[in-house]
Amino acid sequence: MRGILDRLFSWACDLAAACVLAVFVLMIAASVGRMLGWRVGGINDIVAWLSAGAAFLAMAHAFKQGDFVRVTLMLEKLGPRSRRLFEMLSLSIAAVSSAYLTYWAAASTWDSYQFNDMAGGLVVIPLWIPQLSFVLGAFLLCLAILDEWVRVLQGLRPTYVALVEERHARGDFSNDV
């Protein structure tokens, strides 16, 4: 099961990277288009949706890799048992928060679908289409947090801690800046 989840999170991160690449291509196309006198105003709408998609789709992978901001000063001073309890508490709060976010993101997207809400920019499409990346990203983040919650409950070290420690052991502190 863990392999399936890791591939799912990696796939979403790849999709986020594709969104960033698409933003790059569209911004270059818009720059060239402006010089050629083309109308390129609608590209800004698409770039905004792709930027949001990139941010939300990458959240689960970033969380699992230890790339989210965590305040570890207190945790590092605790013993193993206390640290595990605080990890469980933190992950529980994060799980409830991300489940809440996912629920309301999905409810809002469903409302957009039901009411046939259309995007208000130059590119008029059903709003639920770009909102799906928000729902999917929030859901995957919730899933990643629950996966880590189960790991800690089983007495295992969180993946994000293990991966950060591996990077530090290799002398890589680039993500800590």
N, C-alpha and C. Protein backbone atom coordinates (compact mmCIF):
# COMPACT_ATOMS: atom_id res chain seq x y z
N MET A 1 0.82 -1.20 0.00
CA MET A 1 0.00 0.00 0.00
C MET A 1 0.86 1.27 0.00
N ARG A 2 1.96 1.22 0.77
CA ARG A 2 2.82 2.38 0.86
C ARG A 2 3.42 2.73 -0.50
N GLY A 3 3.77 1.70 -1.28
CA GLY A 3 4.31 1.93 -2.61
C GLY A 3 3.31 2.62 -3.52
N ILE A 4 2.05 2.21 -3.42
CA ILE A 4 0.99 2.84 -4.23
C ILE A 4 0.83 4.30 -3.85
N LEU A 5 0.82 4.57 -2.54
CA LEU A 5 0.69 5.96 -2.08
C LEU A 5 1.88 6.81 -2.53
N ASP A 6 3.08 6.24 -2.38
CA ASP A 6 4.27 7.00 -2.80
C ASP A 6 4.24 7.31 -4.29
N ARG A 7 3.81 6.35 -5.10
CA ARG A 7 3.69 6.59 -6.55
C ARG A 7 2.62 7.64 -6.84
N LEU A 8 1.52 7.61 -6.09
CA LEU A 8 0.46 8.59 -6.26
C LEU A 8 0.96 10.00 -5.94
N PHE A 9 1.67 10.14 -4.81
CA PHE A 9 2.21 11.44 -4.43
C PHE A 9 3.25 11.91 -5.45
N SER A 10 4.06 10.98 -5.93
CA SER A 10 5.07 11.32 -6.93
C SER A 10 4.41 11.74 -8.25
N TRP A 11 3.35 11.02 -8.63
CA TRP A 11 2.61 11.37 -9.85
C TRP A 11 2.04 12.78 -9.74
N ALA A 12 1.46 13.11 -8.61
CA ALA A 12 0.90 14.45 -8.41
C ALA A 12 2.00 15.50 -8.47
N CYS A 13 3.17 15.18 -7.92
CA CYS A 13 4.29 16.12 -7.98
C CYS A 13 4.76 16.29 -9.42
N ASP A 14 4.78 15.20 -10.19
CA ASP A 14 5.13 15.29 -11.61
C ASP A 14 4.13 16.16 -12.36
N LEU A 15 2.87 16.01 -12.02
CA LEU A 15 1.83 16.84 -12.63
C LEU A 15 2.02 18.31 -12.26
N ALA A 16 2.42 18.56 -11.01
CA ALA A 16 2.71 19.93 -10.58
C ALA A 16 3.89 20.50 -11.37
N ALA A 17 4.90 19.67 -11.59
CA ALA A 17 6.05 20.11 -12.39
C ALA A 17 5.62 20.41 -13.82
N ALA A 18 4.72 19.61 -14.36
CA ALA A 18 4.20 19.87 -15.71
C ALA A 18 3.45 21.19 -15.75
N CYS A 19 2.75 21.51 -14.67
CA CYS A 19 2.07 22.81 -14.58
C CYS A 19 3.08 23.96 -14.62
N VAL A 20 4.18 23.80 -13.89
CA VAL A 20 5.22 24.83 -13.88
C VAL A 20 5.83 24.98 -15.27
N LEU A 21 6.09 23.85 -15.93
CA LEU A 21 6.62 23.90 -17.29
C LEU A 21 5.63 24.59 -18.23
N ALA A 22 4.35 24.28 -18.09
CA ALA A 22 3.34 24.92 -18.92
C ALA A 22 3.29 26.43 -18.67
N VAL A 23 3.45 26.83 -17.41
CA VAL A 23 3.50 28.27 -17.09
C VAL A 23 4.67 28.91 -17.83
N PHE A 24 5.82 28.26 -17.79
CA PHE A 24 7.00 28.78 -18.47
C PHE A 24 6.74 28.93 -19.97
N VAL A 25 6.20 27.88 -20.59
CA VAL A 25 5.94 27.91 -22.03
C VAL A 25 4.93 29.00 -22.37
N LEU A 26 3.87 29.10 -21.58
CA LEU A 26 2.85 30.12 -21.86
C LEU A 26 3.38 31.53 -21.67
N MET A 27 4.22 31.73 -20.66
CA MET A 27 4.77 33.07 -20.44
C MET A 27 5.71 33.47 -21.59
N ILE A 28 6.49 32.52 -22.08
CA ILE A 28 7.35 32.81 -23.24
C ILE A 28 6.48 33.10 -24.46
N ALA A 29 5.45 32.27 -24.65
CA ALA A 29 4.55 32.48 -25.79
C ALA A 29 3.86 33.85 -25.70
N ALA A 30 3.46 34.24 -24.50
CA ALA A 30 2.82 35.54 -24.32
C ALA A 30 3.79 36.68 -24.63
N SER A 31 5.03 36.53 -24.19
CA SER A 31 6.03 37.57 -24.47
C SER A 31 6.28 37.71 -25.96
N VAL A 32 6.45 36.58 -26.63
CA VAL A 32 6.66 36.61 -28.08
C VAL A 32 5.40 37.13 -28.77
N GLY A 33 4.24 36.67 -28.31
CA GLY A 33 2.98 37.11 -28.90
C GLY A 33 2.77 38.61 -28.80
N ARG A 34 3.12 39.18 -27.66
CA ARG A 34 2.99 40.64 -27.51
C ARG A 34 3.86 41.38 -28.52
N MET A 35 5.08 40.86 -28.73
CA MET A 35 5.97 41.50 -29.71
C MET A 35 5.43 41.39 -31.13
N LEU A 36 4.65 40.34 -31.38
CA LEU A 36 4.08 40.13 -32.71
C LEU A 36 2.70 40.76 -32.85
N GLY A 37 2.22 41.38 -31.78
CA GLY A 37 0.93 42.05 -31.83
C GLY A 37 -0.26 41.13 -31.61
N TRP A 38 -0.03 39.95 -31.09
CA TRP A 38 -1.14 39.03 -30.82
C TRP A 38 -1.86 39.43 -29.54
N ARG A 39 -3.10 39.04 -29.44
CA ARG A 39 -3.86 39.22 -28.19
C ARG A 39 -3.57 38.02 -27.29
N VAL A 40 -2.95 38.27 -26.17
CA VAL A 40 -2.52 37.18 -25.30
C VAL A 40 -3.06 37.33 -23.87
N GLY A 41 -4.06 38.19 -23.68
CA GLY A 41 -4.58 38.45 -22.34
C GLY A 41 -5.12 37.23 -21.63
N GLY A 42 -5.70 36.30 -22.35
CA GLY A 42 -6.27 35.11 -21.73
C GLY A 42 -5.23 34.18 -21.15
N ILE A 43 -4.00 34.33 -21.59
CA ILE A 43 -2.93 33.48 -21.06
C ILE A 43 -2.76 33.70 -19.56
N ASN A 44 -3.00 34.93 -19.11
CA ASN A 44 -2.86 35.21 -17.67
C ASN A 44 -3.81 34.36 -16.84
N ASP A 45 -5.03 34.14 -17.32
CA ASP A 45 -5.99 33.29 -16.61
C ASP A 45 -5.45 31.87 -16.49
N ILE A 46 -4.98 31.35 -17.60
CA ILE A 46 -4.48 29.97 -17.62
C ILE A 46 -3.25 29.83 -16.73
N VAL A 47 -2.36 30.81 -16.78
CA VAL A 47 -1.17 30.79 -15.93
C VAL A 47 -1.56 30.80 -14.45
N ALA A 48 -2.56 31.57 -14.10
CA ALA A 48 -3.01 31.60 -12.70
C ALA A 48 -3.54 30.24 -12.27
N TRP A 49 -4.33 29.60 -13.12
CA TRP A 49 -4.87 28.26 -12.77
C TRP A 49 -3.75 27.24 -12.68
N LEU A 50 -2.80 27.30 -13.60
CA LEU A 50 -1.68 26.36 -13.57
C LEU A 50 -0.79 26.59 -12.34
N SER A 51 -0.62 27.83 -11.95
CA SER A 51 0.18 28.14 -10.76
C SER A 51 -0.48 27.56 -9.50
N ALA A 52 -1.78 27.73 -9.41
CA ALA A 52 -2.51 27.16 -8.27
C ALA A 52 -2.41 25.63 -8.30
N GLY A 53 -2.58 25.06 -9.48
CA GLY A 53 -2.46 23.61 -9.62
C GLY A 53 -1.08 23.12 -9.19
N ALA A 54 -0.04 23.83 -9.60
CA ALA A 54 1.32 23.44 -9.23
C ALA A 54 1.50 23.46 -7.72
N ALA A 55 0.99 24.49 -7.08
CA ALA A 55 1.13 24.61 -5.62
C ALA A 55 0.39 23.49 -4.89
N PHE A 56 -0.84 23.26 -5.26
CA PHE A 56 -1.65 22.29 -4.52
C PHE A 56 -1.28 20.85 -4.83
N LEU A 57 -0.95 20.56 -6.07
CA LEU A 57 -0.62 19.18 -6.43
C LEU A 57 0.71 18.73 -5.83
N ALA A 58 1.59 19.65 -5.51
CA ALA A 58 2.89 19.29 -4.96
C ALA A 58 2.90 19.16 -3.43
N MET A 59 1.81 19.54 -2.78
CA MET A 59 1.81 19.59 -1.31
C MET A 59 2.08 18.24 -0.65
N ALA A 60 1.44 17.18 -1.10
CA ALA A 60 1.60 15.88 -0.45
C ALA A 60 3.04 15.39 -0.58
N HIS A 61 3.60 15.51 -1.77
CA HIS A 61 4.99 15.08 -1.98
C HIS A 61 5.95 15.91 -1.14
N ALA A 62 5.74 17.21 -1.11
CA ALA A 62 6.60 18.09 -0.31
C ALA A 62 6.51 17.73 1.17
N PHE A 63 5.31 17.44 1.64
CA PHE A 63 5.13 17.05 3.04
C PHE A 63 5.90 15.77 3.35
N LYS A 64 5.74 14.76 2.50
CA LYS A 64 6.39 13.48 2.73
C LYS A 64 7.91 13.59 2.67
N GLN A 65 8.43 14.51 1.85
CA GLN A 65 9.88 14.67 1.70
C GLN A 65 10.49 15.52 2.81
N GLY A 66 9.65 16.08 3.68
CA GLY A 66 10.16 16.90 4.76
C GLY A 66 10.42 18.34 4.33
N ASP A 67 9.77 18.76 3.26
CA ASP A 67 9.99 20.09 2.73
C ASP A 67 8.97 21.11 3.22
N PHE A 68 8.08 20.72 4.12
CA PHE A 68 7.18 21.67 4.76
C PHE A 68 7.91 22.29 5.94
N VAL A 69 7.53 23.49 6.28
CA VAL A 69 8.14 24.15 7.43
C VAL A 69 7.65 23.45 8.70
N ARG A 70 8.60 23.00 9.50
CA ARG A 70 8.28 22.37 10.78
C ARG A 70 9.12 23.03 11.85
N VAL A 71 8.52 23.25 13.00
CA VAL A 71 9.25 23.81 14.12
C VAL A 71 9.72 22.63 14.96
N THR A 72 11.00 22.33 14.86
CA THR A 72 11.52 21.12 15.51
C THR A 72 12.37 21.41 16.75
N LEU A 73 12.52 22.69 17.08
CA LEU A 73 13.39 23.02 18.21
C LEU A 73 12.95 22.30 19.49
N MET A 74 11.66 22.31 19.76
CA MET A 74 11.17 21.65 20.96
C MET A 74 11.23 20.13 20.81
N LEU A 75 10.85 19.62 19.65
CA LEU A 75 10.83 18.18 19.45
C LEU A 75 12.21 17.56 19.62
N GLU A 76 13.25 18.26 19.19
CA GLU A 76 14.61 17.74 19.29
C GLU A 76 15.07 17.61 20.74
N LYS A 77 14.47 18.34 21.64
CA LYS A 77 14.86 18.30 23.05
C LYS A 77 14.10 17.22 23.84
N LEU A 78 13.07 16.64 23.24
CA LEU A 78 12.24 15.66 23.93
C LEU A 78 12.81 14.25 23.79
N GLY A 79 12.45 13.42 24.73
CA GLY A 79 12.80 12.01 24.64
C GLY A 79 11.94 11.31 23.59
N PRO A 80 12.27 10.08 23.26
CA PRO A 80 11.55 9.37 22.19
C PRO A 80 10.04 9.24 22.45
N ARG A 81 9.66 8.94 23.67
CA ARG A 81 8.23 8.76 23.97
C ARG A 81 7.47 10.09 23.86
N SER A 82 8.02 11.14 24.47
CA SER A 82 7.37 12.45 24.40
C SER A 82 7.35 12.97 22.97
N ARG A 83 8.43 12.74 22.25
CA ARG A 83 8.48 13.20 20.86
C ARG A 83 7.40 12.50 20.04
N ARG A 84 7.23 11.20 20.26
CA ARG A 84 6.20 10.46 19.52
C ARG A 84 4.81 11.00 19.85
N LEU A 85 4.56 11.31 21.11
CA LEU A 85 3.26 11.87 21.50
C LEU A 85 3.01 13.22 20.84
N PHE A 86 4.05 14.07 20.82
CA PHE A 86 3.89 15.38 20.17
C PHE A 86 3.74 15.24 18.66
N GLU A 87 4.45 14.27 18.06
CA GLU A 87 4.27 14.01 16.62
C GLU A 87 2.83 13.58 16.35
N MET A 88 2.30 12.70 17.19
CA MET A 88 0.92 12.23 17.03
C MET A 88 -0.06 13.39 17.18
N LEU A 89 0.17 14.23 18.16
CA LEU A 89 -0.70 15.39 18.36
C LEU A 89 -0.64 16.32 17.15
N SER A 90 0.57 16.62 16.69
CA SER A 90 0.73 17.50 15.53
C SER A 90 0.09 16.91 14.29
N LEU A 91 0.32 15.63 14.06
CA LEU A 91 -0.26 14.98 12.88
C LEU A 91 -1.78 14.89 13.00
N SER A 92 -2.29 14.72 14.21
CA SER A 92 -3.75 14.68 14.40
C SER A 92 -4.37 16.02 14.04
N ILE A 93 -3.75 17.10 14.52
CA ILE A 93 -4.25 18.44 14.20
C ILE A 93 -4.16 18.69 12.70
N ALA A 94 -3.04 18.29 12.10
CA ALA A 94 -2.86 18.47 10.65
C ALA A 94 -3.88 17.64 9.86
N ALA A 95 -4.16 16.43 10.33
CA ALA A 95 -5.12 15.57 9.63
C ALA A 95 -6.53 16.16 9.67
N VAL A 96 -6.93 16.64 10.84
CA VAL A 96 -8.26 17.25 10.96
C VAL A 96 -8.33 18.52 10.11
N SER A 97 -7.28 19.33 10.16
CA SER A 97 -7.26 20.57 9.37
C SER A 97 -7.30 20.29 7.88
N SER A 98 -6.51 19.33 7.43
CA SER A 98 -6.48 19.04 5.99
C SER A 98 -7.77 18.35 5.54
N ALA A 99 -8.38 17.56 6.40
CA ALA A 99 -9.68 16.96 6.06
C ALA A 99 -10.75 18.05 5.94
N TYR A 100 -10.70 19.01 6.83
CA TYR A 100 -11.62 20.15 6.78
C TYR A 100 -11.42 20.94 5.48
N LEU A 101 -10.16 21.21 5.14
CA LEU A 101 -9.84 21.91 3.90
C LEU A 101 -10.34 21.13 2.69
N THR A 102 -10.10 19.83 2.69
CA THR A 102 -10.53 18.99 1.57
C THR A 102 -12.05 18.99 1.43
N TYR A 103 -12.74 18.87 2.55
CA TYR A 103 -14.20 18.86 2.51
C TYR A 103 -14.73 20.15 1.88
N TRP A 104 -14.25 21.30 2.36
CA TRP A 104 -14.78 22.57 1.86
C TRP A 104 -14.31 22.87 0.45
N ALA A 105 -13.13 22.42 0.08
CA ALA A 105 -12.68 22.58 -1.30
C ALA A 105 -13.58 21.78 -2.24
N ALA A 106 -13.89 20.56 -1.82
CA ALA A 106 -14.76 19.70 -2.64
C ALA A 106 -16.18 20.27 -2.68
N ALA A 107 -16.68 20.76 -1.55
CA ALA A 107 -18.02 21.34 -1.52
C ALA A 107 -18.11 22.57 -2.42
N SER A 108 -17.10 23.41 -2.37
CA SER A 108 -17.09 24.60 -3.20
C SER A 108 -17.01 24.24 -4.69
N THR A 109 -16.20 23.27 -5.00
CA THR A 109 -16.07 22.83 -6.40
C THR A 109 -17.37 22.20 -6.87
N TRP A 110 -18.01 21.42 -6.02
CA TRP A 110 -19.30 20.82 -6.37
C TRP A 110 -20.35 21.90 -6.62
N ASP A 111 -20.35 22.93 -5.77
CA ASP A 111 -21.27 24.06 -5.98
C ASP A 111 -21.02 24.72 -7.33
N SER A 112 -19.74 24.92 -7.65
CA SER A 112 -19.40 25.53 -8.94
C SER A 112 -19.92 24.68 -10.09
N TYR A 113 -19.82 23.37 -9.93
CA TYR A 113 -20.32 22.45 -10.96
C TYR A 113 -21.85 22.52 -11.06
N GLN A 114 -22.51 22.43 -9.91
CA GLN A 114 -23.98 22.42 -9.90
C GLN A 114 -24.58 23.71 -10.45
N PHE A 115 -23.96 24.84 -10.12
CA PHE A 115 -24.51 26.12 -10.54
C PHE A 115 -23.94 26.58 -11.88
N ASN A 116 -23.14 25.72 -12.50
CA ASN A 116 -22.51 26.03 -13.77
C ASN A 116 -21.77 27.38 -13.70
N ASP A 117 -21.05 27.56 -12.61
CA ASP A 117 -20.28 28.78 -12.39
C ASP A 117 -19.15 28.85 -13.42
N MET A 118 -19.03 29.98 -14.07
CA MET A 118 -18.02 30.15 -15.11
C MET A 118 -16.92 31.08 -14.63
N ALA A 119 -15.71 30.85 -15.11
CA ALA A 119 -14.57 31.70 -14.77
C ALA A 119 -14.85 33.11 -15.26
N GLY A 120 -14.42 34.09 -14.50
CA GLY A 120 -14.76 35.48 -14.81
C GLY A 120 -13.71 36.24 -15.60
N GLY A 121 -12.69 35.56 -16.08
CA GLY A 121 -11.64 36.25 -16.83
C GLY A 121 -11.90 36.23 -18.33
N LEU A 122 -10.84 36.35 -19.09
CA LEU A 122 -10.95 36.34 -20.54
C LEU A 122 -11.19 34.94 -21.09
N VAL A 123 -10.71 33.93 -20.37
CA VAL A 123 -10.95 32.54 -20.76
C VAL A 123 -12.13 32.05 -19.93
N VAL A 124 -13.26 31.89 -20.59
CA VAL A 124 -14.48 31.51 -19.88
C VAL A 124 -14.67 30.00 -20.01
N ILE A 125 -14.41 29.32 -18.89
CA ILE A 125 -14.63 27.88 -18.81
C ILE A 125 -15.35 27.61 -17.49
N PRO A 126 -15.93 26.43 -17.35
CA PRO A 126 -16.54 26.10 -16.06
C PRO A 126 -15.48 26.16 -14.95
N LEU A 127 -15.82 26.85 -13.89
CA LEU A 127 -14.85 27.10 -12.82
C LEU A 127 -14.42 25.83 -12.09
N TRP A 128 -15.27 24.81 -12.10
CA TRP A 128 -14.92 23.59 -11.38
C TRP A 128 -13.71 22.89 -11.99
N ILE A 129 -13.42 23.14 -13.25
CA ILE A 129 -12.29 22.47 -13.90
C ILE A 129 -10.97 22.88 -13.26
N PRO A 130 -10.65 24.17 -13.19
CA PRO A 130 -9.38 24.51 -12.52
C PRO A 130 -9.43 24.27 -11.01
N GLN A 131 -10.63 24.27 -10.42
CA GLN A 131 -10.73 24.03 -8.98
C GLN A 131 -10.40 22.58 -8.61
N LEU A 132 -10.47 21.68 -9.56
CA LEU A 132 -10.18 20.27 -9.27
C LEU A 132 -8.76 20.06 -8.75
N SER A 133 -7.81 20.87 -9.22
CA SER A 133 -6.43 20.70 -8.73
C SER A 133 -6.35 21.02 -7.24
N PHE A 134 -7.14 21.98 -6.78
CA PHE A 134 -7.20 22.32 -5.36
C PHE A 134 -7.76 21.15 -4.56
N VAL A 135 -8.85 20.58 -5.05
CA VAL A 135 -9.48 19.45 -4.35
C VAL A 135 -8.53 18.26 -4.31
N LEU A 136 -7.95 17.93 -5.45
CA LEU A 136 -7.04 16.78 -5.52
C LEU A 136 -5.82 17.01 -4.63
N GLY A 137 -5.23 18.19 -4.69
CA GLY A 137 -4.07 18.48 -3.86
C GLY A 137 -4.38 18.42 -2.38
N ALA A 138 -5.51 18.97 -1.97
CA ALA A 138 -5.90 18.93 -0.56
C ALA A 138 -6.17 17.50 -0.11
N PHE A 139 -6.83 16.72 -0.96
CA PHE A 139 -7.10 15.32 -0.63
C PHE A 139 -5.81 14.52 -0.48
N LEU A 140 -4.88 14.72 -1.40
CA LEU A 140 -3.61 13.99 -1.34
C LEU A 140 -2.80 14.40 -0.12
N LEU A 141 -2.83 15.69 0.23
CA LEU A 141 -2.15 16.12 1.45
C LEU A 141 -2.76 15.44 2.68
N CYS A 142 -4.07 15.40 2.74
CA CYS A 142 -4.75 14.73 3.85
C CYS A 142 -4.35 13.25 3.92
N LEU A 143 -4.31 12.61 2.77
CA LEU A 143 -3.91 11.21 2.69
C LEU A 143 -2.47 11.02 3.17
N ALA A 144 -1.57 11.92 2.75
CA ALA A 144 -0.17 11.84 3.17
C ALA A 144 -0.03 12.03 4.68
N ILE A 145 -0.79 12.94 5.24
CA ILE A 145 -0.74 13.17 6.69
C ILE A 145 -1.28 11.96 7.43
N LEU A 146 -2.37 11.40 6.95
CA LEU A 146 -2.92 10.19 7.60
C LEU A 146 -1.95 9.02 7.50
N ASP A 147 -1.26 8.91 6.38
CA ASP A 147 -0.26 7.86 6.22
C ASP A 147 0.85 8.03 7.26
N GLU A 148 1.31 9.23 7.47
CA GLU A 148 2.34 9.48 8.48
C GLU A 148 1.79 9.26 9.88
N TRP A 149 0.54 9.60 10.10
CA TRP A 149 -0.10 9.38 11.41
C TRP A 149 -0.08 7.89 11.74
N VAL A 150 -0.42 7.06 10.76
CA VAL A 150 -0.41 5.60 10.96
C VAL A 150 1.01 5.11 11.24
N ARG A 151 1.98 5.62 10.50
CA ARG A 151 3.38 5.23 10.72
C ARG A 151 3.81 5.53 12.16
N VAL A 152 3.51 6.74 12.62
CA VAL A 152 3.92 7.12 13.98
C VAL A 152 3.15 6.30 15.00
N LEU A 153 1.88 6.03 14.73
CA LEU A 153 1.08 5.20 15.63
C LEU A 153 1.68 3.80 15.75
N GLN A 154 2.25 3.29 14.66
CA GLN A 154 2.88 1.97 14.67
C GLN A 154 4.26 1.98 15.31
N GLY A 155 4.72 3.16 15.74
CA GLY A 155 6.03 3.26 16.38
C GLY A 155 7.17 3.53 15.42
N LEU A 156 6.86 3.79 14.15
CA LEU A 156 7.89 4.08 13.15
C LEU A 156 8.22 5.56 13.15
N ARG A 157 9.40 5.88 12.65
CA ARG A 157 9.77 7.29 12.49
C ARG A 157 9.01 7.85 11.30
N PRO A 158 8.59 9.11 11.39
CA PRO A 158 7.92 9.72 10.24
C PRO A 158 8.86 9.75 9.03
N THR A 159 8.29 9.55 7.86
CA THR A 159 9.07 9.57 6.63
C THR A 159 9.79 10.89 6.48
N TYR A 160 9.10 12.00 6.78
CA TYR A 160 9.70 13.32 6.60
C TYR A 160 10.90 13.52 7.50
N VAL A 161 10.92 12.92 8.66
CA VAL A 161 12.07 13.02 9.56
C VAL A 161 13.22 12.18 9.01
N ALA A 162 12.91 10.95 8.61
CA ALA A 162 13.95 10.06 8.09
C ALA A 162 14.62 10.64 6.84
N LEU A 163 13.84 11.20 5.93
CA LEU A 163 14.41 11.74 4.70
C LEU A 163 15.26 12.98 4.95
N VAL A 164 14.83 13.83 5.88
CA VAL A 164 15.63 15.01 6.22
C VAL A 164 16.94 14.57 6.88
N GLU A 165 16.88 13.58 7.77
CA GLU A 165 18.10 13.10 8.41
C GLU A 165 19.05 12.48 7.39
N GLU A 166 18.51 11.77 6.39
CA GLU A 166 19.35 11.20 5.33
C GLU A 166 20.05 12.31 4.54
N ARG A 167 19.30 13.37 4.21
CA ARG A 167 19.91 14.49 3.49
C ARG A 167 21.01 15.14 4.32
N HIS A 168 20.75 15.32 5.60
CA HIS A 168 21.76 15.93 6.48
C HIS A 168 22.99 15.03 6.59
N ALA A 169 22.79 13.72 6.65
CA ALA A 169 23.93 12.79 6.74
C ALA A 169 24.81 12.88 5.49
N ARG A 170 24.21 13.20 4.35
CA ARG A 170 24.98 13.37 3.11
C ARG A 170 25.60 14.77 3.02
N GLY A 171 25.34 15.61 4.01
CA GLY A 171 25.88 16.97 3.99
C GLY A 171 25.02 17.94 3.20
N ASP A 172 23.79 17.55 2.88
CA ASP A 172 22.88 18.39 2.10
C ASP A 172 21.95 19.14 3.06
N PHE A 173 22.22 20.42 3.21
CA PHE A 173 21.38 21.27 4.06
C PHE A 173 20.65 22.31 3.22
N SER A 174 20.56 22.07 1.92
CA SER A 174 20.00 23.07 0.99
C SER A 174 18.53 23.37 1.27
N ASN A 175 17.78 22.41 1.76
CA ASN A 175 16.36 22.65 2.02
C ASN A 175 16.12 23.35 3.35
N ASP A 176 17.16 23.50 4.14
CA ASP A 176 17.02 24.12 5.46
C ASP A 176 17.22 25.62 5.46
N VAL A 177 17.56 26.18 4.33
CA VAL A 177 17.85 27.60 4.26
C VAL A 177 16.56 28.39 4.21
